[in-house]
Amino acid sequence: MMLQTTVFAAARSRAHGPTVALWHAVELHRPPAEVDGACELTLCGSLARVSTDESWPVAATDVCPACALLSTC
């Protein structure tokens, strides 16, 4: 039996039009060093720049509600 652990990284989206920048969750399938600063697809389907300086979940108020919900499933 193999135990698989899901690892999430925090990623910051850009403010676009009337929306504000939010923190999102990105599921990592590679070592964090390989995605540092890269734009990745988030759990909610948007693109955001991964920040390995921040851990998920981020202790902030500007967190994507969809990513917060999907990362707990």
N, C-alpha and C. Protein backbone atom coordinates (compact mmCIF):
# COMPACT_ATOMS: atom_id res chain seq x y z
N MET A 1 0.84 -1.18 0.00
CA MET A 1 0.00 0.00 0.00
C MET A 1 0.88 1.23 0.00
N MET A 2 0.61 2.14 -0.91
CA MET A 2 1.40 3.36 -1.02
C MET A 2 0.57 4.55 -0.55
N LEU A 3 1.12 5.34 0.34
CA LEU A 3 0.45 6.54 0.82
C LEU A 3 0.89 7.72 -0.03
N GLN A 4 -0.07 8.40 -0.62
CA GLN A 4 0.25 9.56 -1.45
C GLN A 4 -0.20 10.83 -0.74
N THR A 5 0.69 11.79 -0.66
CA THR A 5 0.39 13.05 -0.01
C THR A 5 0.30 14.14 -1.06
N THR A 6 -0.73 14.95 -0.96
CA THR A 6 -0.89 16.07 -1.88
C THR A 6 -0.25 17.29 -1.26
N VAL A 7 0.62 17.94 -2.04
CA VAL A 7 1.32 19.13 -1.57
C VAL A 7 0.83 20.32 -2.37
N PHE A 8 0.50 21.39 -1.66
CA PHE A 8 0.04 22.61 -2.31
C PHE A 8 1.05 23.73 -2.07
N ALA A 9 1.20 24.58 -3.06
CA ALA A 9 2.02 25.78 -2.93
C ALA A 9 1.09 26.98 -3.02
N ALA A 10 1.52 28.08 -2.43
CA ALA A 10 0.77 29.32 -2.52
C ALA A 10 1.18 30.06 -3.79
N ALA A 11 0.22 30.68 -4.44
CA ALA A 11 0.50 31.42 -5.67
C ALA A 11 -0.32 32.70 -5.65
N ARG A 12 0.27 33.77 -6.15
CA ARG A 12 -0.38 35.08 -6.16
C ARG A 12 -0.82 35.41 -7.57
N SER A 13 -2.10 35.74 -7.72
CA SER A 13 -2.61 36.16 -9.03
C SER A 13 -2.39 37.65 -9.21
N ARG A 14 -2.52 38.11 -10.43
CA ARG A 14 -2.41 39.54 -10.71
C ARG A 14 -3.80 40.14 -10.69
N ALA A 15 -3.88 41.38 -10.29
CA ALA A 15 -5.15 42.10 -10.37
C ALA A 15 -5.46 42.27 -11.85
N HIS A 16 -6.69 41.97 -12.24
CA HIS A 16 -7.07 42.04 -13.64
C HIS A 16 -8.44 42.69 -13.76
N GLY A 17 -8.48 43.85 -14.41
CA GLY A 17 -9.75 44.57 -14.54
C GLY A 17 -10.28 44.96 -13.17
N PRO A 18 -11.53 44.63 -12.90
CA PRO A 18 -12.11 45.01 -11.61
C PRO A 18 -11.76 44.04 -10.47
N THR A 19 -11.03 42.98 -10.76
CA THR A 19 -10.70 42.00 -9.72
C THR A 19 -9.40 42.38 -9.01
N VAL A 20 -9.26 41.91 -7.80
CA VAL A 20 -8.05 42.16 -7.01
C VAL A 20 -7.15 40.94 -7.07
N ALA A 21 -5.91 41.13 -6.73
CA ALA A 21 -4.97 40.01 -6.65
C ALA A 21 -5.35 39.14 -5.46
N LEU A 22 -5.34 37.82 -5.65
CA LEU A 22 -5.68 36.88 -4.59
C LEU A 22 -4.59 35.84 -4.43
N TRP A 23 -4.56 35.21 -3.27
CA TRP A 23 -3.71 34.05 -3.06
C TRP A 23 -4.49 32.82 -3.49
N HIS A 24 -3.83 31.93 -4.24
CA HIS A 24 -4.43 30.71 -4.75
C HIS A 24 -3.59 29.51 -4.33
N ALA A 25 -4.16 28.32 -4.50
CA ALA A 25 -3.44 27.07 -4.23
C ALA A 25 -3.08 26.41 -5.55
N VAL A 26 -1.86 25.88 -5.61
CA VAL A 26 -1.38 25.14 -6.77
C VAL A 26 -0.94 23.76 -6.27
N GLU A 27 -1.44 22.72 -6.91
CA GLU A 27 -1.02 21.37 -6.56
C GLU A 27 0.33 21.10 -7.21
N LEU A 28 1.30 20.73 -6.39
CA LEU A 28 2.66 20.52 -6.91
C LEU A 28 2.87 19.07 -7.32
N HIS A 29 3.40 18.90 -8.51
CA HIS A 29 3.77 17.59 -9.01
C HIS A 29 5.27 17.53 -9.28
N ARG A 30 5.96 18.62 -8.97
CA ARG A 30 7.41 18.74 -9.16
C ARG A 30 7.99 19.34 -7.88
N PRO A 31 9.30 19.23 -7.72
CA PRO A 31 9.92 19.87 -6.55
C PRO A 31 9.69 21.39 -6.58
N PRO A 32 9.47 22.02 -5.43
CA PRO A 32 9.21 23.46 -5.38
C PRO A 32 10.27 24.31 -6.09
N ALA A 33 11.52 23.88 -6.09
CA ALA A 33 12.58 24.65 -6.75
C ALA A 33 12.34 24.77 -8.25
N GLU A 34 11.64 23.82 -8.83
CA GLU A 34 11.38 23.84 -10.26
C GLU A 34 10.23 24.77 -10.66
N VAL A 35 9.42 25.20 -9.70
CA VAL A 35 8.28 26.06 -10.03
C VAL A 35 8.39 27.45 -9.41
N ASP A 36 9.47 27.73 -8.71
CA ASP A 36 9.63 29.02 -8.05
C ASP A 36 9.52 30.17 -9.05
N GLY A 37 8.52 30.99 -8.87
CA GLY A 37 8.33 32.16 -9.71
C GLY A 37 7.61 31.89 -11.01
N ALA A 38 7.28 30.65 -11.27
CA ALA A 38 6.59 30.31 -12.52
C ALA A 38 5.09 30.48 -12.36
N CYS A 39 4.41 30.76 -13.46
CA CYS A 39 2.95 30.80 -13.45
C CYS A 39 2.44 29.39 -13.62
N GLU A 40 1.50 29.02 -12.79
CA GLU A 40 0.93 27.67 -12.81
C GLU A 40 -0.59 27.77 -12.76
N LEU A 41 -1.24 26.70 -13.17
CA LEU A 41 -2.69 26.61 -13.09
C LEU A 41 -3.08 26.31 -11.66
N THR A 42 -3.97 27.11 -11.12
CA THR A 42 -4.39 26.95 -9.73
C THR A 42 -5.54 25.96 -9.63
N LEU A 43 -5.91 25.61 -8.40
CA LEU A 43 -7.01 24.68 -8.20
C LEU A 43 -8.32 25.20 -8.76
N CYS A 44 -8.51 26.52 -8.75
CA CYS A 44 -9.76 27.10 -9.25
C CYS A 44 -9.72 27.34 -10.76
N GLY A 45 -8.57 27.11 -11.40
CA GLY A 45 -8.48 27.24 -12.85
C GLY A 45 -7.88 28.53 -13.36
N SER A 46 -7.43 29.41 -12.48
CA SER A 46 -6.78 30.63 -12.94
C SER A 46 -5.26 30.42 -12.98
N LEU A 47 -4.56 31.37 -13.56
CA LEU A 47 -3.10 31.32 -13.58
C LEU A 47 -2.57 32.25 -12.50
N ALA A 48 -1.57 31.78 -11.78
CA ALA A 48 -0.98 32.59 -10.72
C ALA A 48 0.50 32.23 -10.59
N ARG A 49 1.27 33.18 -10.09
CA ARG A 49 2.72 32.99 -9.93
C ARG A 49 3.00 32.33 -8.58
N VAL A 50 3.66 31.18 -8.63
CA VAL A 50 3.97 30.42 -7.42
C VAL A 50 5.00 31.17 -6.58
N SER A 51 4.77 31.18 -5.28
CA SER A 51 5.69 31.79 -4.33
C SER A 51 6.06 30.74 -3.30
N THR A 52 7.27 30.20 -3.40
CA THR A 52 7.69 29.19 -2.43
C THR A 52 8.05 29.81 -1.08
N ASP A 53 8.04 31.14 -1.00
CA ASP A 53 8.27 31.81 0.28
C ASP A 53 7.04 31.71 1.19
N GLU A 54 5.89 31.47 0.59
CA GLU A 54 4.64 31.37 1.33
C GLU A 54 4.17 29.92 1.32
N SER A 55 3.62 29.48 2.44
CA SER A 55 3.09 28.12 2.49
C SER A 55 1.57 28.19 2.39
N TRP A 56 0.98 27.12 1.87
CA TRP A 56 -0.47 27.05 1.77
C TRP A 56 -0.99 26.20 2.92
N PRO A 57 -2.02 26.63 3.61
CA PRO A 57 -2.83 27.81 3.39
C PRO A 57 -2.15 29.08 3.88
N VAL A 58 -2.37 30.16 3.16
CA VAL A 58 -1.79 31.46 3.49
C VAL A 58 -2.61 32.11 4.59
N ALA A 59 -1.94 32.69 5.56
CA ALA A 59 -2.63 33.39 6.64
C ALA A 59 -2.90 34.82 6.19
N ALA A 60 -3.89 34.98 5.34
CA ALA A 60 -4.24 36.30 4.80
C ALA A 60 -5.75 36.35 4.58
N THR A 61 -6.26 37.53 4.37
CA THR A 61 -7.70 37.68 4.13
C THR A 61 -8.04 37.65 2.64
N ASP A 62 -7.04 37.85 1.78
CA ASP A 62 -7.29 37.90 0.34
C ASP A 62 -6.97 36.55 -0.32
N VAL A 63 -7.65 35.50 0.15
CA VAL A 63 -7.46 34.15 -0.35
C VAL A 63 -8.64 33.76 -1.22
N CYS A 64 -8.36 33.11 -2.33
CA CYS A 64 -9.40 32.64 -3.24
C CYS A 64 -10.30 31.65 -2.50
N PRO A 65 -11.60 31.92 -2.41
CA PRO A 65 -12.49 31.01 -1.68
C PRO A 65 -12.59 29.63 -2.35
N ALA A 66 -12.53 29.58 -3.66
CA ALA A 66 -12.61 28.29 -4.36
C ALA A 66 -11.38 27.45 -4.06
N CYS A 67 -10.19 28.05 -4.10
CA CYS A 67 -8.96 27.32 -3.81
C CYS A 67 -8.95 26.84 -2.35
N ALA A 68 -9.43 27.66 -1.45
CA ALA A 68 -9.49 27.28 -0.04
C ALA A 68 -10.38 26.06 0.14
N LEU A 69 -11.50 26.04 -0.53
CA LEU A 69 -12.42 24.91 -0.44
C LEU A 69 -11.84 23.66 -1.11
N LEU A 70 -11.31 23.82 -2.31
CA LEU A 70 -10.79 22.67 -3.06
C LEU A 70 -9.55 22.05 -2.43
N SER A 71 -8.77 22.83 -1.71
CA SER A 71 -7.54 22.30 -1.10
C SER A 71 -7.85 21.48 0.16
N THR A 72 -9.05 21.56 0.66
CA THR A 72 -9.41 20.78 1.85
C THR A 72 -10.12 19.49 1.49
N CYS A 73 -10.46 19.32 0.22
CA CYS A 73 -11.19 18.10 -0.21
C CYS A 73 -10.27 16.92 -0.25
